[in-house]
Structure formats: structure tokens, C-alpha cells
Amino acid sequence: MTMKVEPSGQACGARVTGLDLSQALTRDQVSPIRALWLEHKVLAFAGQSLDDDDLETFTRLMGGFGEDPFFAPIEGRRNIAAILREADETTPLFAENWHSDWSFLERPPAGTCLLAIDIPPTGGDTLFADQGAAFAALPEDRKDYLRSLTAIHSAKLAYAPDGTYGEKDKGRSMAIRPGESARETRTHPLVQRHPETGEECLYSTLGYIVGIEGMDDAEAFPFLAELAAWQSREEFVYRHRWEPDMLVMWDNRAVLHKATGGYEGHRRELHRTTIAAFAA
């Protein structure tokens, strides 16, 4: 079969068919897949029949495993976590805010893979916001100002013991492991040049950004809220609808993402790996 690529027609994203990822990929196949990933930022491989071994093999080929500090892996694996919500679960939806995975790390992962395990018949779309497009659409003086800013990132609001997924978060089926290390901070430029494509992208948003260097909180938080509204404008967003037997990979350096609900009463499970930061 010949690989077929169908762009989403939205801000980013493409559907890929005609490729069996359960079979060992050759070097000649890996390079075009990575090139498509960099071009479209989100790839959805439809019609796959993959197990966890295949997911790990694919992740290695795409760049190796990144760090997953606050998820417990599934049994028998070191690098796969389950994004899971049981049918009768009533906890707040996981990851319903725009973010780039683990942006609070010194070397955040380049990408994320999600493998469909149990897909509900309705709802559960994942939204992606193209941060290269969001930056490019700004006026030049605004771009220059944003280039001058350094953001302070931390996991404390989510994964500290008193955070959203901390000790008071009861009844959740996902294996989240909060800890005091979540209070650590890292800084990253608010605008980053993609290490492989050279595109300038806005990097992360509310939730993992807890401040701006040199700006007091009274100014920083309204500024970040205004910026977040811009980053997630409809013209920058791709809505991904899940299907059974689908693998999705996205570029954390170029897009934000968020979960959506709408599948109450149904079980949903995806297996997740992260792709290590690009080594120049």
C-alpha cells in the first residue's frame, strides 16, 4: 500500500492511511513520517492494529522516550501511561485546559503519542492550537514585545499535593502521582524558534506558566489571560475526532492541546508516550 496524506483543512493536522505501523519501519519510511509530522504538526494514523510493543517501537523511531514525571506507567511498562476515564467517573475532566505537555521541565518532550484503546461512540475530541500560526498573525510590534519575555513554568497548580490533581482529587481512574517536586520552576522564552523547522511559535499558556520574569503578578496574569485567548482563537484550532484503531502524534513545540468531554456514561482509554526533546 502507498501512504496517503489528507490535510485536515483546518489550522493544522493531517490524516495518514496506507501505512501499517505494526510492521517494522525502514529508515526510508521514518524520515518521510517525521517530515510530515513537522509539516502538519499533528498526524492521525487511521486503521492501525497496534499493541503496546508497537507503540513503544514507534516512539523510539520518532526520537526515543521523553520524561513523564507525574504519571504512573501501566503495569509492565516504563514509558506508557493510560489516559483513562471510566464510564461512571465523576471527577473533573483531565487536561481540559490548553497546554504543551510537561513544559515545566528543563527539556520538555518534543512530542506526544496517543494510541486509541477504548473510544466512546461520541465526544472526547482533542483540540490542537497551532502556535506558529498564532504568532505569525500578530502585528510586528507585538511580536517584538513577546520575543522579549521569559515565562516561568511550574507544575505546582496541577501536580503539587495541594494542586488540581493532588491529595483532594478523589475517585479518579488515572494513575496520577502528585509530589512536592511539582513546585519547582523553570524558565523558557515565551516565543521559541522551533529547533527543526525554524518557525517561531508561542510556547505554552495558562496552567503551566505561573508568571513572567520581571513582571508582577497583578500585571502578568491579565496579560497571560489575554494571550491565552489569542492563542486559542478558532482560526488557529484543529478539532481531532478519534476513531478506534488510531494513533495520533503531535509536536509539543508547535501546538497546544486540550481534552474535551461529551462522552458521559462511556469508558475512554488511550495509551500515551512522550517523544524526547530533539538533540541538535
Protein backbone atom coordinates (compact mmCIF):
# COMPACT_ATOMS: atom_id res chain seq x y z
CA MET A 1 0.00 0.00 0.00
CA THR A 2 1.02 3.59 -0.61
CA MET A 3 0.92 6.11 2.20
CA LYS A 4 -1.83 8.68 1.69
CA VAL A 5 -1.91 12.02 3.49
CA GLU A 6 -5.11 14.07 3.82
CA PRO A 7 -4.66 17.52 5.41
CA SER A 8 -7.43 18.36 7.86
CA GLY A 9 -8.34 21.61 6.11
CA GLN A 10 -8.13 23.29 9.49
CA ALA A 11 -5.24 25.16 11.12
CA CYS A 12 -3.03 22.06 11.29
CA GLY A 13 -3.29 18.28 11.30
CA ALA A 14 -3.41 15.51 8.71
CA ARG A 15 -4.83 12.00 8.44
CA VAL A 16 -2.45 9.29 7.28
CA THR A 17 -3.58 5.98 5.76
CA GLY A 18 -1.94 3.20 3.77
CA LEU A 19 0.78 2.55 6.33
CA ASP A 20 0.95 -0.42 8.71
CA LEU A 21 2.78 0.74 11.84
CA SER A 22 2.72 -2.77 13.32
CA GLN A 23 5.38 -3.69 10.77
CA ALA A 24 8.99 -2.61 11.26
CA LEU A 25 9.55 0.74 9.57
CA THR A 26 12.62 1.21 7.43
CA ARG A 27 14.84 4.27 7.65
CA ASP A 28 13.42 5.34 4.30
CA GLN A 29 9.93 5.31 5.85
CA VAL A 30 10.81 7.03 9.13
CA SER A 31 12.24 10.18 7.54
CA PRO A 32 9.09 10.99 5.50
CA ILE A 33 6.88 10.42 8.55
CA ARG A 34 8.95 12.83 10.63
CA ALA A 35 8.87 15.34 7.78
CA LEU A 36 5.07 15.09 7.60
CA TRP A 37 4.88 15.50 11.38
CA LEU A 38 6.93 18.68 11.24
CA GLU A 39 4.83 20.00 8.36
CA HIS A 40 1.36 19.24 9.74
CA LYS A 41 2.20 19.31 13.49
CA VAL A 42 -0.47 16.69 14.24
CA LEU A 43 -0.69 13.33 12.45
CA ALA A 44 -3.54 10.83 12.85
CA PHE A 45 -2.69 7.32 11.64
CA ALA A 46 -6.03 5.64 10.93
CA GLY A 47 -6.81 1.95 10.56
CA GLN A 48 -3.96 0.68 12.71
CA SER A 49 -3.90 -2.52 14.78
CA LEU A 50 -1.24 -1.82 17.38
CA ASP A 51 -0.29 -3.10 20.80
CA ASP A 52 1.92 -1.52 23.45
CA ASP A 53 5.07 -3.07 21.97
CA ASP A 54 4.25 -1.36 18.67
CA LEU A 55 3.61 1.95 20.42
CA GLU A 56 7.00 1.78 22.15
CA THR A 57 8.77 0.84 18.92
CA PHE A 58 7.16 3.74 17.05
CA THR A 59 8.10 6.19 19.81
CA ARG A 60 11.72 5.06 19.70
CA LEU A 61 11.82 5.54 15.94
CA MET A 62 10.40 9.05 16.25
CA GLY A 63 13.08 10.14 18.72
CA GLY A 64 13.04 7.99 21.86
CA PHE A 65 11.22 8.36 25.15
CA GLY A 66 10.76 11.63 26.99
CA GLU A 67 10.24 12.08 30.71
CA ASP A 68 6.78 11.60 32.31
CA PRO A 69 7.18 12.88 35.87
CA PHE A 70 3.66 12.74 37.32
CA PHE A 71 2.06 9.71 35.66
CA ALA A 72 2.47 6.16 36.90
CA PRO A 73 3.11 3.84 33.95
CA ILE A 74 0.80 0.96 33.15
CA GLU A 75 1.71 -2.43 34.55
CA GLY A 76 4.77 -3.98 32.94
CA ARG A 77 5.87 -0.80 31.14
CA ARG A 78 8.17 2.08 32.00
CA ASN A 79 7.19 4.57 29.30
CA ILE A 80 3.45 4.14 28.69
CA ALA A 81 0.75 5.84 30.75
CA ALA A 82 -3.00 5.34 30.44
CA ILE A 83 -5.18 8.39 29.80
CA LEU A 84 -8.25 6.78 31.30
CA ARG A 85 -11.76 7.74 32.34
CA GLU A 86 -14.18 5.07 33.48
CA ALA A 87 -17.81 5.19 32.42
CA ASP A 88 -19.09 6.05 35.91
CA GLU A 89 -16.38 8.58 36.77
CA THR A 90 -17.49 11.97 38.08
CA THR A 91 -14.17 13.75 38.68
CA PRO A 92 -13.42 16.90 36.66
CA LEU A 93 -12.24 16.10 33.13
CA PHE A 94 -8.47 15.60 32.90
CA ALA A 95 -6.42 18.09 30.81
CA GLU A 96 -9.32 20.33 29.84
CA ASN A 97 -7.05 23.40 29.73
CA TRP A 98 -4.76 24.41 26.86
CA HIS A 99 -1.16 23.32 27.45
CA SER A 100 2.03 21.88 25.98
CA ASP A 101 2.99 18.64 27.70
CA TRP A 102 5.42 18.99 30.61
CA SER A 103 6.54 22.49 29.61
CA PHE A 104 7.79 22.95 33.19
CA LEU A 105 10.70 20.55 32.59
CA GLU A 106 14.17 21.78 31.70
CA ARG A 107 13.92 19.77 28.46
CA PRO A 108 10.22 19.28 27.69
CA PRO A 109 9.28 16.46 25.30
CA ALA A 110 9.30 17.20 21.59
CA GLY A 111 6.08 15.30 21.02
CA THR A 112 3.37 13.06 22.38
CA CYS A 113 1.77 9.89 21.03
CA LEU A 114 -1.70 8.65 21.94
CA LEU A 115 -2.93 5.20 20.93
CA ALA A 116 -6.68 4.55 20.93
CA ILE A 117 -7.56 1.65 23.23
CA ASP A 118 -11.21 2.26 24.10
CA ILE A 119 -13.01 5.03 22.19
CA PRO A 120 -16.54 6.14 23.16
CA PRO A 121 -19.16 6.42 20.40
CA THR A 122 -19.46 10.17 20.89
CA GLY A 123 -17.42 13.06 22.31
CA GLY A 124 -13.85 13.03 23.56
CA ASP A 125 -12.39 15.17 20.75
CA THR A 126 -8.91 16.59 21.27
CA LEU A 127 -8.32 20.20 20.25
CA PHE A 128 -5.00 21.46 18.92
CA ALA A 129 -3.98 25.11 18.51
CA ASP A 130 -1.23 25.98 16.01
CA GLN A 131 1.15 28.30 17.86
CA GLY A 132 3.21 29.14 14.79
CA ALA A 133 0.09 30.45 13.08
CA ALA A 134 -0.96 32.28 16.25
CA PHE A 135 2.38 34.07 16.45
CA ALA A 136 2.58 34.83 12.72
CA ALA A 137 -0.82 36.56 12.79
CA LEU A 138 0.30 39.14 15.38
CA PRO A 139 1.38 42.69 14.49
CA GLU A 140 5.15 43.14 14.25
CA ASP A 141 5.41 45.37 17.31
CA ARG A 142 3.52 42.80 19.37
CA LYS A 143 5.83 40.05 18.12
CA ASP A 144 8.88 42.06 19.19
CA TYR A 145 7.44 42.61 22.66
CA LEU A 146 6.59 38.92 23.15
CA ARG A 147 10.06 37.91 21.96
CA SER A 148 11.50 39.92 24.86
CA LEU A 149 9.62 37.95 27.55
CA THR A 150 10.64 34.92 29.55
CA ALA A 151 7.92 32.77 31.11
CA ILE A 152 8.13 30.99 34.46
CA HIS A 153 6.80 27.43 34.24
CA SER A 154 5.77 25.14 37.08
CA ALA A 155 3.60 22.08 37.65
CA LYS A 156 2.50 23.26 41.09
CA LEU A 157 -1.05 24.25 40.17
CA ALA A 158 -1.72 20.80 38.75
CA TYR A 159 0.55 18.25 40.42
CA ALA A 160 1.62 19.61 43.81
CA PRO A 161 -0.09 17.85 46.76
CA ASP A 162 -2.49 20.80 47.03
CA GLY A 163 -2.92 21.12 43.26
CA THR A 164 -5.78 20.18 40.95
CA TYR A 165 -4.65 16.54 40.77
CA GLY A 166 -3.27 16.43 44.31
CA GLU A 167 -4.45 14.89 47.56
CA LYS A 168 -8.02 16.23 47.32
CA ASP A 169 -8.57 14.72 43.87
CA LYS A 170 -10.53 11.59 44.79
CA GLY A 171 -12.16 8.96 42.61
CA ARG A 172 -10.00 9.46 39.52
CA SER A 173 -9.21 6.35 37.48
CA MET A 174 -5.98 7.73 36.02
CA ALA A 175 -2.77 6.85 37.87
CA ILE A 176 -1.54 10.36 38.65
CA ARG A 177 1.23 10.73 41.22
CA PRO A 178 1.50 14.29 42.58
CA GLY A 179 4.55 15.37 44.56
CA GLU A 180 6.48 18.23 46.10
CA SER A 181 8.80 18.37 43.06
CA ALA A 182 5.89 19.95 41.21
CA ARG A 183 6.65 23.23 42.99
CA GLU A 184 9.94 23.62 41.12
CA THR A 185 10.14 26.27 38.42
CA ARG A 186 11.87 26.50 35.05
CA THR A 187 12.07 29.40 32.64
CA HIS A 188 11.57 29.29 28.87
CA PRO A 189 11.31 32.11 26.32
CA LEU A 190 7.67 32.94 25.63
CA VAL A 191 8.45 32.79 21.91
CA GLN A 192 10.63 29.90 20.78
CA ARG A 193 12.13 29.11 17.41
CA HIS A 194 11.33 25.51 16.54
CA PRO A 195 14.63 23.58 16.67
CA GLU A 196 13.88 21.62 13.48
CA THR A 197 11.74 23.88 11.30
CA GLY A 198 12.91 27.31 12.47
CA GLU A 199 9.31 28.53 12.82
CA GLU A 200 8.69 30.96 15.67
CA CYS A 201 5.96 29.70 18.00
CA LEU A 202 4.28 30.89 21.17
CA TYR A 203 5.16 28.41 23.89
CA SER A 204 2.59 27.16 26.40
CA THR A 205 -0.06 29.12 28.24
CA LEU A 206 -2.11 29.36 31.44
CA GLY A 207 -1.74 26.47 33.85
CA TYR A 208 1.94 25.64 33.45
CA ILE A 209 3.04 29.27 33.14
CA VAL A 210 2.88 30.80 36.62
CA GLY A 211 4.47 34.16 35.89
CA ILE A 212 6.63 36.33 33.63
CA GLU A 213 10.15 37.32 34.63
CA GLY A 214 10.32 40.98 35.65
CA MET A 215 6.52 41.38 35.71
CA ASP A 216 4.48 41.41 38.92
CA ASP A 217 1.55 39.02 39.19
CA ALA A 218 -1.05 41.79 39.05
CA GLU A 219 0.18 42.57 35.54
CA ALA A 220 1.27 39.09 34.47
CA PHE A 221 -1.97 37.19 34.96
CA PRO A 222 -4.25 39.54 32.98
CA PHE A 223 -1.56 39.60 30.28
CA LEU A 224 -1.42 35.78 30.18
CA ALA A 225 -5.20 35.50 30.09
CA GLU A 226 -5.35 37.88 27.13
CA LEU A 227 -2.59 35.98 25.36
CA ALA A 228 -4.29 32.63 26.01
CA ALA A 229 -7.49 33.91 24.40
CA TRP A 230 -5.47 34.83 21.29
CA GLN A 231 -3.58 31.52 21.19
CA SER A 232 -6.80 29.52 21.09
CA ARG A 233 -8.78 31.56 18.54
CA GLU A 234 -10.88 29.42 16.23
CA GLU A 235 -8.76 30.10 13.15
CA PHE A 236 -5.75 28.51 14.87
CA VAL A 237 -7.56 25.36 16.07
CA TYR A 238 -7.86 21.84 14.69
CA ARG A 239 -10.53 19.60 16.23
CA HIS A 240 -9.48 15.98 16.15
CA ARG A 241 -12.19 13.33 16.24
CA TRP A 242 -10.99 9.98 17.49
CA GLU A 243 -11.63 6.63 15.86
CA PRO A 244 -10.91 3.09 17.04
CA ASP A 245 -7.54 1.76 15.86
CA MET A 246 -5.97 5.21 15.60
CA LEU A 247 -2.56 6.54 16.67
CA VAL A 248 -2.09 10.30 16.97
CA MET A 249 1.21 12.13 17.40
CA TRP A 250 1.69 15.86 17.85
CA ASP A 251 4.50 18.37 18.15
CA ASN A 252 4.55 19.97 21.61
CA ARG A 253 6.91 22.66 20.33
CA ALA A 254 4.38 23.91 17.78
CA VAL A 255 0.88 23.25 19.14
CA LEU A 256 -1.12 23.44 22.33
CA HIS A 257 -3.80 20.86 23.04
CA LYS A 258 -6.73 20.24 25.35
CA ALA A 259 -9.23 17.49 26.08
CA THR A 260 -12.99 17.77 25.64
CA GLY A 261 -15.81 15.76 27.20
CA GLY A 262 -19.23 14.78 25.91
CA TYR A 263 -18.92 11.03 26.47
CA GLU A 264 -20.57 10.71 29.87
CA GLY A 265 -21.51 7.12 30.65
CA HIS A 266 -18.82 5.69 28.35
CA ARG A 267 -15.32 4.45 29.09
CA ARG A 268 -12.39 6.12 27.32
CA GLU A 269 -8.78 4.91 27.34
CA LEU A 270 -5.71 5.93 25.36
CA HIS A 271 -2.11 4.83 25.88
CA ARG A 272 0.39 7.66 25.94
CA THR A 273 4.12 8.03 25.34
CA THR A 274 6.23 11.15 25.02
CA ILE A 275 8.93 11.72 22.42
CA ALA A 276 12.23 13.02 23.77
CA ALA A 277 13.46 16.56 23.16
CA PHE A 278 15.26 16.96 19.86
CA ALA A 279 19.03 16.66 20.16
CA ALA A 280 20.58 19.19 17.79
